[in-house]
């Protein structure tokens, strides 16, 4: 069973920065895409940023130019550097992996972290 764990959330003032990290457990065979989603109170979970196995990235329009996603394949870890944070960036941030836990799996599966709170004060 693949375990995914985030770290790095917290409280920051508007204009500040935070870096989120997310590591998958060692019991993982192959990772396809990695990414971050966020859910604001009363809203649906939306994509923030995603990075493919080849390094291609895609960002929500609202974070382009402020957030940078990266991955370390050797460590099964994905990061997001968040700069120039705004109060509207507040929410629970969820890490996402599309991965196989073993070589016999035919399809990649989606795995989610438990979420980490990011609060940006004005």
Protein backbone atom coordinates (compact mmCIF):
# COMPACT_ATOMS: atom_id res chain seq x y z
CA UNK A 1 0.00 0.00 0.00
CA UNK A 2 1.41 3.35 -1.04
CA UNK A 3 1.54 5.95 1.72
CA UNK A 4 1.73 9.64 0.86
CA UNK A 5 2.62 12.27 3.43
CA UNK A 6 2.70 16.06 3.11
CA UNK A 7 4.62 18.57 5.18
CA UNK A 8 5.30 22.31 5.19
CA UNK A 9 1.91 23.93 5.66
CA UNK A 10 1.25 26.72 8.11
CA UNK A 11 0.28 30.33 8.65
CA UNK A 12 1.93 33.08 6.64
CA UNK A 13 1.26 36.73 5.90
CA UNK A 14 0.25 37.89 2.47
CA UNK A 15 3.31 38.29 0.28
CA UNK A 16 5.16 35.56 2.12
CA UNK A 17 6.38 32.17 0.98
CA UNK A 18 5.93 28.53 1.90
CA UNK A 19 7.34 25.31 0.53
CA UNK A 20 5.28 22.14 0.66
CA UNK A 21 6.82 18.70 0.38
CA UNK A 22 5.23 15.33 -0.21
CA UNK A 23 6.91 11.96 -0.08
CA UNK A 24 5.59 8.60 -1.15
CA UNK A 25 6.52 5.50 0.79
CA UNK A 26 9.28 3.23 -0.38
CA UNK A 27 6.69 0.59 -1.32
CA UNK A 28 6.19 2.13 -4.72
CA UNK A 29 7.21 0.74 -8.07
CA UNK A 30 6.66 3.57 -10.52
CA UNK A 31 5.33 7.12 -10.40
CA UNK A 32 3.69 8.82 -13.33
CA UNK A 33 2.35 12.28 -12.51
CA UNK A 34 2.71 14.11 -9.21
CA UNK A 35 0.81 17.17 -8.18
CA UNK A 36 -0.90 19.44 -5.72
CA UNK A 37 -4.57 20.26 -5.31
CA UNK A 38 -6.23 22.59 -2.84
CA UNK A 39 -9.63 22.90 -1.31
CA UNK A 40 -10.87 26.17 0.12
CA UNK A 41 -13.70 26.14 2.67
CA UNK A 42 -17.00 25.41 0.98
CA UNK A 43 -15.40 24.81 -2.40
CA UNK A 44 -14.36 21.82 -4.46
CA UNK A 45 -10.84 20.47 -4.66
CA UNK A 46 -9.03 22.11 -7.56
CA UNK A 47 -5.72 21.55 -9.31
CA UNK A 48 -2.88 23.83 -8.25
CA UNK A 49 0.03 22.32 -10.17
CA UNK A 50 1.03 19.03 -11.70
CA UNK A 51 4.27 17.61 -13.08
CA UNK A 52 4.61 14.64 -15.40
CA UNK A 53 7.22 11.89 -15.25
CA UNK A 54 9.06 13.74 -18.00
CA UNK A 55 9.06 17.02 -16.12
CA UNK A 56 6.31 18.84 -17.98
CA UNK A 57 4.32 21.13 -15.73
CA UNK A 58 0.86 22.62 -15.68
CA UNK A 59 -0.43 25.29 -13.32
CA UNK A 60 -3.75 26.81 -12.39
CA UNK A 61 -3.99 30.28 -13.88
CA UNK A 62 -4.31 31.79 -10.43
CA UNK A 63 -0.84 30.59 -9.35
CA UNK A 64 1.17 30.97 -12.55
CA UNK A 65 4.30 32.99 -11.98
CA UNK A 66 4.07 32.55 -8.19
CA UNK A 67 4.20 28.80 -7.60
CA UNK A 68 6.80 26.34 -8.85
CA UNK A 69 6.36 22.57 -8.76
CA UNK A 70 9.31 20.19 -8.87
CA UNK A 71 10.03 16.52 -8.20
CA UNK A 72 12.87 14.38 -6.99
CA UNK A 73 12.38 10.94 -8.50
CA UNK A 74 15.15 9.38 -6.43
CA UNK A 75 13.29 10.37 -3.26
CA UNK A 76 9.74 9.82 -4.57
CA UNK A 77 9.06 13.39 -3.53
CA UNK A 78 7.21 16.34 -5.02
CA UNK A 79 7.54 19.95 -3.93
CA UNK A 80 5.73 23.18 -4.52
CA UNK A 81 7.39 26.50 -3.79
CA UNK A 82 4.72 29.12 -3.15
CA UNK A 83 5.77 32.76 -3.35
CA UNK A 84 3.84 36.03 -3.16
CA UNK A 85 1.08 34.25 -1.30
CA UNK A 86 -2.38 35.79 -1.26
CA UNK A 87 -5.30 35.28 1.16
CA UNK A 88 -7.15 33.48 -1.64
CA UNK A 89 -4.43 30.82 -1.60
CA UNK A 90 -5.77 29.70 1.79
CA UNK A 91 -7.00 26.13 1.92
CA UNK A 92 -6.09 22.54 2.52
CA UNK A 93 -3.41 21.40 0.11
CA UNK A 94 -3.45 17.78 -0.99
CA UNK A 95 -0.59 15.92 -2.54
CA UNK A 96 -1.38 13.65 -5.46
CA UNK A 97 0.51 10.75 -6.98
CA UNK A 98 -0.43 8.64 -9.99
CA UNK A 99 1.58 5.50 -9.39
CA UNK A 100 1.97 1.74 -9.39
CA UNK A 101 2.82 -0.01 -6.16
CA UNK A 102 4.21 -3.08 -7.89
CA UNK A 103 5.32 -4.33 -11.28
CA UNK A 104 2.29 -6.59 -11.68
CA UNK A 105 -0.21 -3.75 -11.62
CA UNK A 106 -1.64 -3.05 -15.04
CA UNK A 107 -2.82 0.49 -14.43
CA UNK A 108 -1.56 3.47 -12.51
CA UNK A 109 -3.67 4.43 -9.52
CA UNK A 110 -4.36 7.74 -7.81
CA UNK A 111 -3.01 8.26 -4.29
CA UNK A 112 -3.73 11.23 -2.04
CA UNK A 113 -2.14 12.66 1.04
CA UNK A 114 -4.15 13.58 4.10
CA UNK A 115 -3.85 17.30 3.40
CA UNK A 116 -1.95 20.15 4.98
CA UNK A 117 -3.46 23.50 5.93
CA UNK A 118 -2.12 26.69 4.40
CA UNK A 119 -3.49 29.93 5.80
CA UNK A 120 -2.53 33.29 4.33
CA UNK A 121 -3.47 36.30 6.43
CA UNK A 122 -4.09 39.72 4.94
